[in-house]
Amino acid sequence: MTFNHLQTIIQQVDEVRRTFESAGKKIYLVGGIVRDLYGNATNIQNLDIDLTTNATPEEIKAIIKPIADNLWLSGEKFGTIGAHVNGKTIEITTHRSESYLSDSRKPIVEFSQQIEEDLSRRDFTVNSMAIDLSSKELIDPFNGQKDFADGVLRTPLNPDISFSEDPLRMLRAARFTCRFELTPTKKMVQSMKALAPRLEIVSPERIREEFDKFLEVRNPEPGFKLLLKTKIYKLFLPEINDKENIRKNGGYRSLSQLPIDPLVRLAALLLNTSAKECEYRMKKLKYSNERISQTKLLIQSTKTIEAKPIDNESYRKWYFQTADLRDKAIELAKINKKLKKIISEMERTKISLEHELHDFSVPLTGAEIMELLKIQEGPEVGEALQYLQEIRFQKGPITQGEAEKAIRNWWDEEKTVPKTNS
C-alpha cells in the first residue's frame, strides 16, 4: 500500500498523538482522509483531518484543551470534539456505533472501546480504514484497500444493516459510485431497492446537503443511473426522471456538460418545472429562500432564451432581469442544441450594446418625479419609474430632458384616461 503524503499528515498531528499517548489513550487517523491518501490525493492541504479514539468526549476535551487554539463542541453529543491545533482544523470522535430507530430522524449514538467496531459502523469499506498514529499501522478489517483498488463499492457489514442504520448512505452510494468510479455490489443494489422507502426518516437538511455534494461530482451520470435503478430518486426528487426534460434538455445526462455548480445543475434537473413546482420541491428539501429565488430566476431566464431575446429591446430586458445569473443561464441553455443559433445571435446583440449594458438606471428619481408632476408619494411614482424603465429597454439610455418630457406626456395621458372599476 502506498501513501505518498501520509508522512506530511502525520507530522501535522504529531503533537495530538503525543498528547493522547501521554494520557494513555489510542488515537487513529480514520475515514475519508485515509482513503484519499491511498488514492494519492494531491490537495492534501484541503483534506479534512478526522481522528478517532477510545477516549470519551469529556476525556477528549481535557486532553486536547492544553494544546488547542480553540475548541468547538457542536458535535459533542455525537462524540465529536472539534479543535484548531497549530493552525490546523481537526475533529476527534470517540469510537462509536450508531443506529436509527424505525421512525427516528436522528441516530442513536453509543460509544465503543474498539476501533474495529467503529470501522464496522462506517458507510463503505473504502472509508472503513484507519491508521494507528502510534505504530503507523494500517487497520483494514474489511479490505477497503482491495475494494478501492478493484473499483468495488461495498458496505463493511451486510448492506441491510448498514443502510438501516443510516439510510442516507444509499444516496451517498450514488455519489461514491461516480466520484471514485466504483461499482456497487449486486447485494448492495438489491438492498437499496428494498430499503429505499427508509430514506423518508432522514431529515430533509441531511438529504439536501448530501445531494449538493453529489451535484459537485464531475460526471454524476453513473450515480443518477443507480438512483433510477433503485427508485431512491422518488423519495426526494422525482423530477430526476422527468422524461420530457431528459428528451428536450438532457436532464441528468447533461450535467457533465455544465459547470460544477450545484445551483446550475439542480436548475437543469428542474428545468421543465413551473416556478410554483420548483419552489415546492426545493422547500421540501429545506433549501434557503435565496437559493430557491436564484434557481427560479435561472430557470426562467433560460426559458426566456427560447423566446429569442435577440432584438435590442428584448435583449436589454433579458440582460437586466437575469442580472448576475446571465452566464449561468447561457451555460444552462447550451445543453439544448436547438438554442445554439439563438445564443450566437444574443452574443452579437450583446456586442453591439456593450457600451450601454453596465448601467440601467433611469435619469429621474422618485423625488424628482414628484416635484415634476406636483404629486404626493403614492403608487403613481412607482408606475412612472416603471414607465421610464420600459423606455430604457426600448430605446437605450435617455437624457434627463428626454425623461422629463416622456413623464409629462405619460402623466397627461394618465389623467385623461377614465378609471374603470374592475
Protein backbone atom coordinates (compact mmCIF):
# COMPACT_ATOMS: atom_id res chain seq x y z
CA MET A 1 0.00 0.00 0.00
CA THR A 2 1.33 3.44 -0.95
CA PHE A 3 0.58 6.62 0.98
CA ASN A 4 2.66 9.27 -0.74
CA HIS A 5 1.58 12.10 1.58
CA LEU A 6 0.99 10.18 4.80
CA GLN A 7 4.13 11.48 6.49
CA THR A 8 3.01 15.07 5.91
CA ILE A 9 -0.31 14.44 7.66
CA ILE A 10 1.34 12.51 10.50
CA GLN A 11 3.66 15.45 11.14
CA GLN A 12 0.68 17.82 11.27
CA VAL A 13 -1.00 15.79 14.03
CA ASP A 14 2.13 14.63 15.85
CA GLU A 15 1.52 16.86 18.86
CA VAL A 16 -2.01 15.47 19.11
CA ARG A 17 -0.63 11.91 19.02
CA ARG A 18 1.89 12.60 21.77
CA THR A 19 -0.74 14.26 23.95
CA PHE A 20 -3.13 11.30 23.67
CA GLU A 21 -0.34 8.79 24.24
CA SER A 22 0.64 10.65 27.42
CA ALA A 23 -2.96 10.28 28.60
CA GLY A 24 -2.87 6.54 27.90
CA LYS A 25 -5.34 6.74 25.01
CA LYS A 26 -5.23 5.42 21.45
CA ILE A 27 -5.64 7.81 18.52
CA TYR A 28 -6.17 6.94 14.85
CA LEU A 29 -6.39 8.73 11.52
CA VAL A 30 -9.66 7.48 10.05
CA GLY A 31 -12.17 7.55 7.24
CA GLY A 32 -12.07 9.65 4.10
CA ILE A 33 -8.60 11.05 4.64
CA VAL A 34 -7.12 7.52 4.74
CA ARG A 35 -8.98 6.67 1.53
CA ASP A 36 -7.81 9.87 -0.16
CA LEU A 37 -4.22 9.37 0.94
CA TYR A 38 -4.31 5.87 -0.50
CA GLY A 39 -5.71 7.36 -3.71
CA ASN A 40 -2.70 9.71 -3.74
CA ALA A 41 -4.79 12.86 -3.45
CA THR A 42 -2.78 15.95 -4.35
CA ASN A 43 -4.83 18.51 -2.43
CA ILE A 44 -3.62 17.32 0.97
CA GLN A 45 -3.82 20.81 2.48
CA ASN A 46 -7.59 20.73 1.91
CA LEU A 47 -8.24 17.26 3.32
CA ASP A 48 -10.36 17.07 6.45
CA ILE A 49 -8.37 15.55 9.30
CA ASP A 50 -10.64 13.12 11.13
CA LEU A 51 -9.36 11.19 14.12
CA THR A 52 -10.97 8.57 16.33
CA THR A 53 -10.05 7.50 19.84
CA ASN A 54 -11.09 5.28 22.73
CA ALA A 55 -11.27 8.39 24.94
CA THR A 56 -14.74 9.64 25.87
CA PRO A 57 -15.87 13.11 24.73
CA GLU A 58 -15.16 14.51 28.22
CA GLU A 59 -11.68 12.97 28.15
CA ILE A 60 -11.04 14.30 24.64
CA LYS A 61 -11.81 17.84 25.81
CA ALA A 62 -9.49 17.54 28.78
CA ILE A 63 -6.66 16.01 26.72
CA ILE A 64 -6.81 18.39 23.75
CA LYS A 65 -7.55 21.67 25.54
CA PRO A 66 -3.94 22.46 26.62
CA ILE A 67 -2.66 22.32 23.02
CA ALA A 68 -5.71 23.66 21.16
CA ASP A 69 -6.07 27.24 19.95
CA ASN A 70 -9.81 26.78 20.45
CA LEU A 71 -12.48 24.09 20.68
CA TRP A 72 -15.99 23.76 19.32
CA LEU A 73 -18.48 21.41 20.86
CA SER A 74 -21.48 21.41 18.50
CA GLY A 75 -20.97 17.69 17.79
CA GLU A 76 -20.24 16.67 21.37
CA LYS A 77 -23.50 14.76 21.86
CA PHE A 78 -22.44 12.61 18.89
CA GLY A 79 -19.00 12.10 20.39
CA THR A 80 -17.15 14.64 18.22
CA ILE A 81 -14.91 17.43 19.51
CA GLY A 82 -13.53 19.94 17.02
CA ALA A 83 -10.30 21.84 17.57
CA HIS A 84 -7.72 24.10 15.98
CA VAL A 85 -4.24 22.82 16.73
CA ASN A 86 -1.19 24.56 15.27
CA GLY A 87 -3.40 26.27 12.72
CA LYS A 88 -4.96 23.00 11.53
CA THR A 89 -8.63 22.08 11.92
CA ILE A 90 -9.22 18.58 13.26
CA GLU A 91 -12.19 16.58 14.51
CA ILE A 92 -11.75 13.86 17.11
CA THR A 93 -14.55 11.36 17.67
CA THR A 94 -14.95 8.67 20.29
CA HIS A 95 -15.18 5.16 18.78
CA ARG A 96 -18.87 4.64 18.25
CA SER A 97 -21.68 2.59 16.88
CA GLU A 98 -24.94 4.20 15.86
CA SER A 99 -28.33 3.26 14.50
CA TYR A 100 -31.75 4.70 13.79
CA LEU A 101 -34.99 3.62 15.36
CA SER A 102 -37.60 2.68 12.76
CA ASP A 103 -39.23 6.12 12.85
CA SER A 104 -36.32 8.30 14.00
CA ARG A 105 -34.68 11.10 12.02
CA LYS A 106 -31.59 11.19 14.24
CA PRO A 107 -29.07 8.48 15.05
CA ILE A 108 -28.78 6.93 18.48
CA VAL A 109 -25.10 7.11 19.39
CA GLU A 110 -23.38 4.50 21.52
CA PHE A 111 -19.66 4.67 22.26
CA SER A 112 -17.21 1.81 21.93
CA GLN A 113 -13.68 1.00 23.07
CA GLN A 114 -12.77 -0.96 19.94
CA ILE A 115 -11.51 0.58 16.70
CA GLU A 116 -12.77 -2.45 14.75
CA GLU A 117 -16.34 -1.88 15.92
CA ASP A 118 -16.09 1.79 14.99
CA LEU A 119 -14.90 0.88 11.50
CA SER A 120 -17.70 -1.68 11.10
CA ARG A 121 -20.27 1.10 11.59
CA ARG A 122 -18.94 3.28 8.78
CA ASP A 123 -20.66 3.61 5.43
CA PHE A 124 -18.39 1.79 2.96
CA THR A 125 -15.31 -0.40 3.17
CA VAL A 126 -13.22 2.25 1.38
CA ASN A 127 -13.98 4.53 4.34
CA SER A 128 -13.50 1.80 6.95
CA MET A 129 -9.73 2.07 7.15
CA ALA A 130 -7.68 3.67 9.91
CA ILE A 131 -4.03 4.35 10.65
CA ASP A 132 -2.72 3.94 14.19
CA LEU A 133 -0.77 7.16 14.75
CA SER A 134 1.49 5.47 17.30
CA SER A 135 2.53 2.40 15.29
CA LYS A 136 1.73 3.83 11.79
CA GLU A 137 -0.06 0.51 11.16
CA LEU A 138 -2.92 0.35 8.68
CA ILE A 139 -6.07 -1.17 10.18
CA ASP A 140 -8.27 -2.52 7.40
CA PRO A 141 -10.53 -5.29 8.74
CA PHE A 142 -12.99 -5.07 5.82
CA ASN A 143 -10.50 -5.00 2.92
CA GLY A 144 -11.21 -1.41 1.95
CA GLN A 145 -7.79 -1.14 0.32
CA LYS A 146 -8.55 -4.05 -2.02
CA ASP A 147 -12.06 -2.80 -2.80
CA PHE A 148 -10.69 0.64 -3.70
CA ALA A 149 -8.07 -0.90 -5.97
CA ASP A 150 -10.64 -3.23 -7.57
CA GLY A 151 -13.21 -0.45 -8.06
CA VAL A 152 -15.81 -2.07 -5.80
CA LEU A 153 -18.29 -0.24 -3.57
CA ARG A 154 -19.29 -2.38 -0.62
CA THR A 155 -20.58 -1.89 2.93
CA PRO A 156 -18.48 -3.25 5.82
CA LEU A 157 -21.47 -5.12 7.26
CA ASN A 158 -24.46 -6.64 5.50
CA PRO A 159 -25.90 -3.73 3.45
CA ASP A 160 -29.31 -4.26 5.05
CA ILE A 161 -27.69 -3.44 8.40
CA SER A 162 -25.60 -0.53 7.11
CA PHE A 163 -28.47 1.12 5.24
CA SER A 164 -30.94 0.52 8.06
CA GLU A 165 -28.55 2.20 10.50
CA ASP A 166 -28.26 5.30 8.31
CA PRO A 167 -30.47 5.35 5.20
CA LEU A 168 -28.65 8.44 3.86
CA ARG A 169 -25.85 6.05 2.91
CA MET A 170 -28.00 4.91 -0.01
CA LEU A 171 -27.85 8.41 -1.51
CA ARG A 172 -24.16 8.67 -0.65
CA ALA A 173 -23.60 5.44 -2.59
CA ALA A 174 -24.65 7.27 -5.76
CA ARG A 175 -22.01 9.94 -5.13
CA PHE A 176 -19.24 7.42 -4.41
CA THR A 177 -20.14 5.39 -7.50
CA CYS A 178 -19.20 8.26 -9.80
CA ARG A 179 -16.70 10.20 -7.70
CA PHE A 180 -14.35 7.24 -7.30
CA GLU A 181 -15.54 5.15 -10.28
CA LEU A 182 -16.70 2.32 -8.04
CA THR A 183 -19.26 -0.34 -8.92
CA PRO A 184 -21.72 -1.25 -6.15
CA THR A 185 -22.06 -4.94 -5.39
CA LYS A 186 -25.19 -6.75 -6.55
CA LYS A 187 -26.19 -7.36 -2.94
CA MET A 188 -25.86 -3.66 -2.16
CA VAL A 189 -28.09 -2.68 -5.09
CA GLN A 190 -30.72 -5.21 -4.01
CA SER A 191 -30.64 -3.80 -0.50
CA MET A 192 -31.05 -0.24 -1.80
CA LYS A 193 -34.12 -1.29 -3.78
CA ALA A 194 -35.66 -2.97 -0.75
CA LEU A 195 -34.83 -0.22 1.76
CA ALA A 196 -35.40 2.85 -0.44
CA PRO A 197 -38.56 3.89 1.50
CA ARG A 198 -36.45 4.13 4.64
CA LEU A 199 -34.88 7.33 3.27
CA GLU A 200 -38.07 9.04 4.47
CA ILE A 201 -36.78 9.00 8.07
CA VAL A 202 -33.72 11.08 7.12
CA SER A 203 -34.09 14.82 7.67
CA PRO A 204 -34.51 16.96 4.52
CA GLU A 205 -31.48 19.00 5.58
CA ARG A 206 -29.18 15.97 5.50
CA ILE A 207 -30.60 14.84 2.15
CA ARG A 208 -30.11 18.33 0.69
CA GLU A 209 -26.52 18.54 1.92
CA GLU A 210 -25.63 15.11 0.53
CA PHE A 211 -27.36 15.79 -2.79
CA ASP A 212 -25.48 19.07 -3.27
CA LYS A 213 -22.22 17.18 -2.71
CA PHE A 214 -23.35 14.67 -5.32
CA LEU A 215 -24.00 17.50 -7.80
CA GLU A 216 -20.38 18.61 -7.38
CA VAL A 217 -19.03 15.37 -8.87
CA ARG A 218 -17.56 15.99 -12.32
CA ASN A 219 -19.69 13.36 -14.07
CA PRO A 220 -22.59 12.27 -11.83
CA GLU A 221 -24.46 10.28 -14.51
CA PRO A 222 -23.49 6.79 -13.20
CA GLY A 223 -24.77 7.82 -9.77
CA PHE A 224 -28.07 9.00 -11.23
CA LYS A 225 -28.46 5.69 -13.02
CA LEU A 226 -28.08 3.97 -9.64
CA LEU A 227 -30.75 6.23 -8.13
CA LEU A 228 -33.08 5.42 -11.03
CA LYS A 229 -32.41 1.69 -10.86
CA THR A 230 -33.14 1.56 -7.13
CA LYS A 231 -36.05 4.08 -7.28
CA ILE A 232 -34.44 6.13 -4.50
CA TYR A 233 -34.87 9.34 -6.50
CA LYS A 234 -38.65 9.12 -5.97
CA LEU A 235 -38.19 9.78 -2.26
CA PHE A 236 -36.65 13.25 -2.63
CA LEU A 237 -36.54 14.50 -6.26
CA PRO A 238 -38.86 12.66 -8.67
CA GLU A 239 -38.08 15.28 -11.33
CA ILE A 240 -34.79 13.44 -11.93
CA ASN A 241 -36.78 11.07 -14.15
CA ASP A 242 -38.75 13.79 -15.98
CA LYS A 243 -38.88 12.19 -19.42
CA GLU A 244 -39.75 15.45 -21.20
CA ASN A 245 -36.82 17.29 -19.63
CA ILE A 246 -34.47 14.42 -20.47
CA ARG A 247 -35.70 14.37 -24.09
CA LYS A 248 -35.55 18.13 -24.59
CA ASN A 249 -32.63 19.24 -22.43
CA GLY A 250 -30.81 16.06 -21.46
CA GLY A 251 -31.80 16.18 -17.78
CA TYR A 252 -29.35 14.31 -15.56
CA ARG A 253 -27.47 13.12 -18.66
CA SER A 254 -26.41 16.69 -19.44
CA LEU A 255 -24.88 17.58 -16.08
CA SER A 256 -21.31 16.67 -17.03
CA GLN A 257 -21.53 19.36 -19.76
CA LEU A 258 -22.35 22.02 -17.16
CA PRO A 259 -20.08 23.84 -14.70
CA ILE A 260 -19.52 22.02 -11.41
CA ASP A 261 -22.03 24.22 -9.66
CA PRO A 262 -24.95 22.75 -7.63
CA LEU A 263 -27.09 25.81 -8.42
CA VAL A 264 -26.81 25.33 -12.19
CA ARG A 265 -27.05 21.55 -12.07
CA LEU A 266 -30.14 21.46 -9.86
CA ALA A 267 -31.76 24.02 -12.17
CA ALA A 268 -31.03 21.64 -15.07
CA LEU A 269 -32.92 18.88 -13.28
CA LEU A 270 -35.87 21.20 -12.61
CA LEU A 271 -35.81 22.96 -15.97
CA ASN A 272 -39.18 21.56 -17.00
CA THR A 273 -40.98 22.69 -13.83
CA SER A 274 -43.07 25.79 -13.27
CA ALA A 275 -41.93 28.39 -10.73
CA LYS A 276 -44.52 27.05 -8.28
CA GLU A 277 -43.42 23.43 -8.74
CA CYS A 278 -39.75 24.37 -8.39
CA GLU A 279 -40.39 26.27 -5.18
CA TYR A 280 -42.45 23.42 -3.73
CA ARG A 281 -39.77 20.82 -4.39
CA MET A 282 -36.93 22.94 -3.05
CA LYS A 283 -38.86 23.90 0.08
CA LYS A 284 -39.45 20.22 0.77
CA LEU A 285 -35.66 19.82 0.80
CA LYS A 286 -35.27 22.90 3.05
CA TYR A 287 -33.26 24.98 0.60
CA SER A 288 -32.82 28.61 1.63
CA ASN A 289 -35.13 31.27 0.23
CA GLU A 290 -32.15 32.83 -1.53
CA ARG A 291 -31.23 29.56 -3.24
CA ILE A 292 -34.85 29.00 -4.27
CA SER A 293 -35.11 32.52 -5.73
CA GLN A 294 -31.85 32.08 -7.64
CA THR A 295 -32.94 28.73 -9.05
CA LYS A 296 -36.33 30.05 -10.15
CA LEU A 297 -34.72 33.08 -11.81
CA LEU A 298 -32.13 30.89 -13.51
CA ILE A 299 -34.81 28.57 -14.90
CA GLN A 300 -36.98 31.48 -16.06
CA SER A 301 -34.00 33.24 -17.66
CA THR A 302 -33.09 30.05 -19.51
CA LYS A 303 -36.65 29.56 -20.73
CA THR A 304 -36.73 33.18 -21.91
CA ILE A 305 -33.85 32.40 -24.26
CA GLU A 306 -36.24 30.09 -26.13
CA ALA A 307 -38.34 33.20 -26.92
CA LYS A 308 -35.37 34.64 -28.88
CA PRO A 309 -34.40 37.80 -26.98
CA ILE A 310 -32.16 38.89 -29.84
CA ASP A 311 -33.51 42.33 -30.79
CA ASN A 312 -32.20 45.28 -28.79
CA GLU A 313 -35.26 45.77 -26.59
CA SER A 314 -35.84 42.15 -25.59
CA TYR A 315 -32.11 41.55 -25.07
CA ARG A 316 -31.81 44.60 -22.79
CA LYS A 317 -34.75 43.36 -20.74
CA TRP A 318 -33.33 39.81 -20.52
CA TYR A 319 -29.89 41.14 -19.57
CA PHE A 320 -31.32 43.39 -16.85
CA GLN A 321 -33.69 40.83 -15.33
CA THR A 322 -31.19 37.96 -15.34
CA ALA A 323 -28.60 40.09 -13.50
CA ASP A 324 -25.63 38.12 -12.13
CA LEU A 325 -27.03 34.80 -13.39
CA ARG A 326 -26.54 35.64 -17.08
CA ASP A 327 -23.50 33.44 -17.67
CA LYS A 328 -25.10 30.56 -15.78
CA ALA A 329 -28.31 30.90 -17.83
CA ILE A 330 -26.32 30.78 -21.08
CA GLU A 331 -24.47 27.66 -19.90
CA LEU A 332 -27.76 26.04 -18.98
CA ALA A 333 -29.35 26.95 -22.32
CA LYS A 334 -26.43 25.44 -24.23
CA ILE A 335 -27.48 21.92 -23.25
CA ASN A 336 -30.44 22.37 -25.63
CA LYS A 337 -28.78 22.15 -29.05
CA LYS A 338 -31.75 23.87 -30.69
CA LEU A 339 -30.85 27.08 -28.84
CA LYS A 340 -27.30 27.26 -30.21
CA LYS A 341 -28.21 29.69 -33.01
CA ILE A 342 -30.23 31.92 -30.67
CA ILE A 343 -27.33 32.10 -28.21
CA SER A 344 -24.99 33.15 -31.03
CA GLU A 345 -27.40 35.89 -32.10
CA MET A 346 -27.72 37.05 -28.49
CA GLU A 347 -23.95 37.34 -28.30
CA ARG A 348 -23.93 39.56 -31.39
CA THR A 349 -26.62 41.78 -29.86
CA LYS A 350 -24.61 41.97 -26.65
CA ILE A 351 -21.52 43.15 -28.52
CA SER A 352 -23.50 45.87 -30.31
CA LEU A 353 -24.96 47.11 -27.00
CA GLU A 354 -21.88 46.58 -24.84
CA HIS A 355 -21.32 50.32 -24.31
CA GLU A 356 -24.67 50.72 -22.51
CA LEU A 357 -25.23 47.49 -20.58
CA HIS A 358 -23.27 48.50 -17.49
CA ASP A 359 -25.95 50.88 -16.22
CA PHE A 360 -29.73 50.53 -16.45
CA SER A 361 -30.60 53.35 -14.06
CA VAL A 362 -33.11 55.95 -15.24
CA PRO A 363 -32.25 59.68 -15.09
CA LEU A 364 -35.03 60.66 -12.65
CA THR A 365 -35.55 59.70 -9.02
CA GLY A 366 -38.90 59.24 -7.33
CA ALA A 367 -38.48 62.59 -5.55
CA GLU A 368 -37.74 64.35 -8.84
CA ILE A 369 -40.85 62.83 -10.44
CA MET A 370 -42.98 64.03 -7.50
CA GLU A 371 -41.57 67.55 -7.92
CA LEU A 372 -42.01 67.49 -11.70
CA LEU A 373 -45.65 66.33 -11.58
CA LYS A 374 -46.54 68.14 -8.34
CA ILE A 375 -47.87 64.95 -6.78
CA GLN A 376 -47.54 63.29 -3.39
CA GLU A 377 -45.87 59.98 -2.71
CA GLY A 378 -48.04 57.12 -3.94
CA PRO A 379 -48.34 54.27 -6.45
CA GLU A 380 -48.16 56.72 -9.37
CA VAL A 381 -44.49 57.37 -8.58
CA GLY A 382 -43.64 53.69 -8.91
CA GLU A 383 -45.66 53.47 -12.13
CA ALA A 384 -43.75 56.44 -13.54
CA LEU A 385 -40.39 54.87 -12.70
CA GLN A 386 -41.52 51.62 -14.32
CA TYR A 387 -42.56 53.56 -17.42
CA LEU A 388 -39.09 55.10 -17.64
CA GLN A 389 -37.53 51.66 -17.23
CA GLU A 390 -39.58 50.39 -20.18
CA ILE A 391 -38.37 53.33 -22.27
CA ARG A 392 -34.81 52.42 -21.26
CA PHE A 393 -35.38 48.89 -22.56
CA GLN A 394 -36.92 50.16 -25.80
CA LYS A 395 -34.56 52.99 -26.70
CA GLY A 396 -31.44 52.57 -24.60
CA PRO A 397 -30.02 55.35 -22.40
CA ILE A 398 -32.04 58.59 -22.35
CA THR A 399 -31.18 62.05 -21.08
CA GLN A 400 -32.85 63.78 -18.15
CA GLY A 401 -34.62 66.15 -20.53
CA GLU A 402 -35.99 63.24 -22.57
CA ALA A 403 -37.12 61.53 -19.38
CA GLU A 404 -38.92 64.65 -18.12
CA LYS A 405 -40.72 65.09 -21.44
CA ALA A 406 -41.74 61.43 -21.53
CA ILE A 407 -43.07 61.56 -17.97
CA ARG A 408 -45.10 64.72 -18.64
CA ASN A 409 -46.67 63.13 -21.73
CA TRP A 410 -47.34 59.92 -19.80
CA TRP A 411 -48.93 61.86 -16.95
CA ASP A 412 -51.16 63.86 -19.29
CA GLU A 413 -52.40 60.61 -20.81
CA GLU A 414 -52.91 59.06 -17.38
CA LYS A 415 -55.09 61.97 -16.28
CA THR A 416 -57.27 61.82 -19.39
CA VAL A 417 -57.85 58.05 -19.31
CA PRO A 418 -61.08 57.37 -17.38
CA LYS A 419 -60.68 55.00 -14.44
CA THR A 420 -62.85 51.89 -14.54
CA ASN A 421 -63.84 49.59 -11.72
CA SER A 422 -62.82 46.03 -12.33
